[in-house]
N, C-alpha and C. Protein backbone atom coordinates (compact mmCIF):
# COMPACT_ATOMS: atom_id res chain seq x y z
N MET A 1 90.28 91.02 99.92
CA MET A 1 90.77 92.16 99.16
C MET A 1 91.20 93.28 100.10
N TRP A 2 92.34 93.84 99.87
CA TRP A 2 92.87 94.94 100.67
C TRP A 2 92.57 96.26 99.97
N GLU A 3 92.35 97.30 100.76
CA GLU A 3 92.17 98.64 100.21
C GLU A 3 93.45 99.43 100.42
N ILE A 4 93.73 100.32 99.48
CA ILE A 4 94.93 101.16 99.57
C ILE A 4 94.49 102.61 99.64
N TYR A 5 94.96 103.29 100.65
CA TYR A 5 94.72 104.72 100.79
C TYR A 5 96.04 105.44 100.61
N GLU A 6 96.05 106.45 99.78
CA GLU A 6 97.28 107.21 99.52
C GLU A 6 97.20 108.56 100.24
N HIS A 7 98.24 108.87 100.97
CA HIS A 7 98.34 110.18 101.62
C HIS A 7 98.27 111.25 100.53
N SER A 8 97.75 112.41 100.86
CA SER A 8 97.60 113.49 99.86
C SER A 8 98.94 113.86 99.22
N LYS A 9 100.03 113.73 99.95
CA LYS A 9 101.35 114.02 99.38
C LYS A 9 101.72 113.04 98.27
N VAL A 10 101.22 111.81 98.38
CA VAL A 10 101.57 110.78 97.40
C VAL A 10 101.05 111.16 96.02
N ILE A 11 99.85 111.73 95.96
CA ILE A 11 99.27 112.13 94.68
C ILE A 11 100.21 113.12 93.97
N LYS A 12 100.76 114.06 94.70
CA LYS A 12 101.70 115.03 94.12
C LYS A 12 103.03 114.35 93.76
N GLN A 13 103.48 113.45 94.61
CA GLN A 13 104.77 112.80 94.39
C GLN A 13 104.75 111.94 93.12
N ILE A 14 103.66 111.21 92.90
CA ILE A 14 103.64 110.31 91.74
C ILE A 14 103.52 111.07 90.42
N GLN A 15 103.11 112.32 90.47
CA GLN A 15 103.06 113.13 89.25
C GLN A 15 104.47 113.50 88.79
N LYS A 16 105.44 113.43 89.71
CA LYS A 16 106.81 113.85 89.41
C LYS A 16 107.77 112.69 89.14
N ILE A 17 107.34 111.47 89.36
CA ILE A 17 108.26 110.35 89.22
C ILE A 17 108.29 109.87 87.76
N PRO A 18 109.38 109.22 87.37
CA PRO A 18 109.48 108.69 86.01
C PRO A 18 108.39 107.65 85.73
N SER A 19 107.97 107.56 84.47
CA SER A 19 106.88 106.65 84.10
C SER A 19 107.20 105.20 84.45
N GLU A 20 108.45 104.80 84.35
CA GLU A 20 108.87 103.43 84.70
C GLU A 20 108.57 103.14 86.18
N ILE A 21 108.82 104.12 87.04
CA ILE A 21 108.57 103.96 88.47
C ILE A 21 107.07 103.95 88.74
N LEU A 22 106.34 104.78 88.03
CA LEU A 22 104.88 104.82 88.18
C LEU A 22 104.27 103.47 87.82
N ARG A 23 104.73 102.85 86.74
CA ARG A 23 104.23 101.52 86.36
C ARG A 23 104.54 100.50 87.45
N ARG A 24 105.72 100.57 88.00
CA ARG A 24 106.13 99.64 89.06
C ARG A 24 105.27 99.86 90.31
N TYR A 25 104.97 101.12 90.63
CA TYR A 25 104.11 101.44 91.77
C TYR A 25 102.70 100.89 91.55
N GLU A 26 102.18 101.02 90.35
CA GLU A 26 100.84 100.49 90.04
C GLU A 26 100.84 98.96 90.18
N LYS A 27 101.91 98.31 89.77
CA LYS A 27 102.04 96.85 89.93
C LYS A 27 102.08 96.50 91.42
N TRP A 28 102.81 97.29 92.22
CA TRP A 28 102.89 97.10 93.67
C TRP A 28 101.49 97.17 94.27
N LYS A 29 100.71 98.17 93.86
CA LYS A 29 99.34 98.32 94.38
C LYS A 29 98.46 97.14 93.99
N ASP A 30 98.62 96.63 92.76
CA ASP A 30 97.84 95.46 92.33
C ASP A 30 98.13 94.26 93.23
N ILE A 31 99.40 94.04 93.52
CA ILE A 31 99.78 92.90 94.37
C ILE A 31 99.18 93.06 95.76
N VAL A 32 99.27 94.26 96.33
CA VAL A 32 98.74 94.49 97.68
C VAL A 32 97.23 94.31 97.70
N ARG A 33 96.53 94.82 96.69
CA ARG A 33 95.06 94.68 96.65
C ARG A 33 94.64 93.21 96.63
N ILE A 34 95.36 92.42 95.86
CA ILE A 34 94.97 91.02 95.68
C ILE A 34 95.40 90.14 96.84
N SER A 35 96.67 90.24 97.26
CA SER A 35 97.17 89.30 98.26
C SER A 35 97.66 89.95 99.54
N GLY A 36 97.46 91.26 99.68
CA GLY A 36 97.87 91.92 100.91
C GLY A 36 99.38 92.09 100.97
N PRO A 37 99.85 92.72 102.02
CA PRO A 37 101.29 92.96 102.16
C PRO A 37 102.12 91.67 102.18
N GLN A 38 101.54 90.57 102.65
CA GLN A 38 102.30 89.32 102.66
C GLN A 38 102.64 88.86 101.25
N GLY A 39 101.87 89.27 100.25
CA GLY A 39 102.18 88.96 98.86
C GLY A 39 103.46 89.61 98.39
N LEU A 40 103.80 90.75 98.97
CA LEU A 40 105.03 91.44 98.61
C LEU A 40 106.26 90.63 99.01
N GLY A 41 106.14 89.87 100.08
CA GLY A 41 107.25 89.04 100.54
C GLY A 41 107.59 87.92 99.57
N LEU A 42 106.65 87.57 98.71
CA LEU A 42 106.88 86.50 97.74
C LEU A 42 107.67 86.98 96.52
N ILE A 43 107.78 88.29 96.38
CA ILE A 43 108.51 88.86 95.24
C ILE A 43 109.76 89.54 95.76
N ARG A 44 110.90 88.91 95.54
CA ARG A 44 112.16 89.38 96.12
C ARG A 44 112.56 90.77 95.65
N ASP A 45 112.19 91.14 94.43
CA ASP A 45 112.59 92.44 93.89
C ASP A 45 112.08 93.61 94.72
N PHE A 46 110.97 93.43 95.40
CA PHE A 46 110.43 94.53 96.20
C PHE A 46 111.21 94.75 97.50
N ASN A 47 111.95 93.74 97.94
CA ASN A 47 112.77 93.86 99.15
C ASN A 47 111.99 94.53 100.28
N ASP A 48 110.80 94.04 100.54
CA ASP A 48 109.91 94.62 101.55
C ASP A 48 110.50 94.42 102.94
N GLU A 49 110.51 95.52 103.73
CA GLU A 49 111.11 95.43 105.07
C GLU A 49 110.46 96.42 106.02
N SER A 50 110.55 96.12 107.32
CA SER A 50 110.04 97.06 108.32
C SER A 50 111.08 98.14 108.57
N LEU A 51 110.60 99.31 108.97
CA LEU A 51 111.49 100.44 109.22
C LEU A 51 111.60 100.71 110.71
N SER A 52 112.62 101.48 111.07
CA SER A 52 112.82 101.83 112.49
C SER A 52 113.04 103.33 112.60
N GLY A 53 113.33 103.79 113.80
CA GLY A 53 113.57 105.22 114.02
C GLY A 53 112.29 106.02 113.86
N ASN A 54 112.36 107.14 113.13
CA ASN A 54 111.18 107.98 112.92
C ASN A 54 110.07 107.27 112.17
N TRP A 55 110.42 106.24 111.41
CA TRP A 55 109.44 105.50 110.62
C TRP A 55 109.04 104.17 111.27
N GLU A 56 109.30 104.00 112.54
CA GLU A 56 108.93 102.76 113.22
C GLU A 56 107.42 102.52 113.07
N GLY A 57 107.06 101.29 112.77
CA GLY A 57 105.66 100.94 112.53
C GLY A 57 105.27 100.99 111.07
N HIS A 58 106.18 101.47 110.22
CA HIS A 58 105.95 101.54 108.78
C HIS A 58 106.81 100.49 108.09
N ARG A 59 106.52 100.28 106.81
CA ARG A 59 107.28 99.35 105.99
C ARG A 59 107.73 100.06 104.72
N SER A 60 108.71 99.47 104.06
CA SER A 60 109.24 100.02 102.82
C SER A 60 109.36 98.91 101.78
N SER A 61 108.98 99.23 100.56
CA SER A 61 109.18 98.32 99.43
C SER A 61 109.98 99.05 98.36
N ARG A 62 110.89 98.34 97.75
CA ARG A 62 111.75 98.92 96.72
C ARG A 62 111.02 98.89 95.38
N LEU A 63 110.95 100.05 94.72
CA LEU A 63 110.39 100.10 93.37
C LEU A 63 111.50 100.00 92.32
N ASN A 64 112.67 100.49 92.65
CA ASN A 64 113.89 100.28 91.87
C ASN A 64 115.06 100.55 92.80
N LEU A 65 116.26 100.71 92.30
CA LEU A 65 117.40 100.93 93.18
C LEU A 65 117.27 102.22 93.98
N GLN A 66 116.58 103.21 93.45
CA GLN A 66 116.48 104.50 94.12
C GLN A 66 115.14 104.72 94.81
N TYR A 67 114.04 104.41 94.16
CA TYR A 67 112.71 104.76 94.68
C TYR A 67 112.14 103.69 95.61
N ARG A 68 111.45 104.18 96.65
CA ARG A 68 110.79 103.32 97.63
C ARG A 68 109.35 103.78 97.82
N VAL A 69 108.51 102.86 98.22
CA VAL A 69 107.17 103.21 98.68
C VAL A 69 107.15 102.91 100.18
N ILE A 70 106.75 103.88 100.96
CA ILE A 70 106.68 103.73 102.41
C ILE A 70 105.22 103.66 102.79
N TYR A 71 104.85 102.64 103.56
CA TYR A 71 103.44 102.42 103.87
C TYR A 71 103.27 101.87 105.27
N LYS A 72 102.03 101.88 105.72
CA LYS A 72 101.68 101.36 107.03
C LYS A 72 100.49 100.42 106.87
N ILE A 73 100.49 99.33 107.62
CA ILE A 73 99.42 98.33 107.54
C ILE A 73 98.47 98.51 108.71
N ASP A 74 97.19 98.47 108.43
CA ASP A 74 96.17 98.46 109.47
C ASP A 74 95.39 97.15 109.32
N GLN A 75 95.76 96.15 110.12
CA GLN A 75 95.15 94.83 110.04
C GLN A 75 93.67 94.84 110.42
N GLU A 76 93.30 95.69 111.36
CA GLU A 76 91.92 95.69 111.83
C GLU A 76 90.94 96.13 110.75
N GLN A 77 91.35 97.06 109.91
CA GLN A 77 90.46 97.54 108.86
C GLN A 77 90.85 97.01 107.48
N ILE A 78 91.87 96.19 107.44
CA ILE A 78 92.38 95.60 106.21
C ILE A 78 92.65 96.67 105.15
N PHE A 79 93.52 97.60 105.49
CA PHE A 79 93.95 98.56 104.50
C PHE A 79 95.41 98.91 104.67
N VAL A 80 95.98 99.42 103.59
CA VAL A 80 97.37 99.86 103.55
C VAL A 80 97.34 101.36 103.26
N LYS A 81 98.01 102.14 104.08
CA LYS A 81 98.09 103.58 103.88
C LYS A 81 99.47 103.92 103.35
N VAL A 82 99.54 104.35 102.11
CA VAL A 82 100.80 104.72 101.48
C VAL A 82 101.16 106.12 101.92
N MET A 83 102.34 106.27 102.51
CA MET A 83 102.79 107.55 103.05
C MET A 83 103.65 108.33 102.07
N LYS A 84 104.51 107.63 101.34
CA LYS A 84 105.45 108.30 100.43
C LYS A 84 105.82 107.39 99.27
N VAL A 85 106.05 107.98 98.12
CA VAL A 85 106.74 107.32 97.01
C VAL A 85 107.87 108.29 96.70
N THR A 86 109.07 107.90 97.05
CA THR A 86 110.16 108.86 97.06
C THR A 86 111.50 108.20 96.78
N PRO A 87 112.47 108.98 96.32
CA PRO A 87 113.82 108.44 96.26
C PRO A 87 114.25 108.03 97.67
N HIS A 88 115.18 107.16 97.77
CA HIS A 88 115.63 106.58 99.04
C HIS A 88 116.04 107.65 100.04
N ASP A 89 115.07 108.11 100.84
CA ASP A 89 115.29 109.14 101.84
C ASP A 89 114.22 108.95 102.90
N TYR A 90 114.56 108.40 104.04
CA TYR A 90 113.57 108.03 105.04
C TYR A 90 113.34 109.09 106.11
N ARG A 91 113.76 110.33 105.85
CA ARG A 91 113.44 111.38 106.81
C ARG A 91 111.92 111.52 106.90
N SER A 92 111.41 111.83 108.06
CA SER A 92 109.96 111.83 108.26
C SER A 92 109.25 113.06 107.71
N ASN A 93 109.94 114.05 107.23
CA ASN A 93 109.29 115.26 106.70
C ASN A 93 108.83 115.08 105.30
């Protein structure tokens, strides 16, 4: 079982997103908890990919055409740290 930690900004961000995206994000978290990030690769709709540039070392999963969840994997402690749930904008701020 994987644990998911959400950055404090994520709590504020998810309060502002549409309910459809929130449901999709909750489904994303369920998949990660049960089968880890590798489970996301089995579902093509998430289009899970590694990032580069300012976000090097992080990954992104698509929640819909606009919204993404940006996260980082820590294999040693078996947890996923969610950094952002945001419209498609990978600036690090």
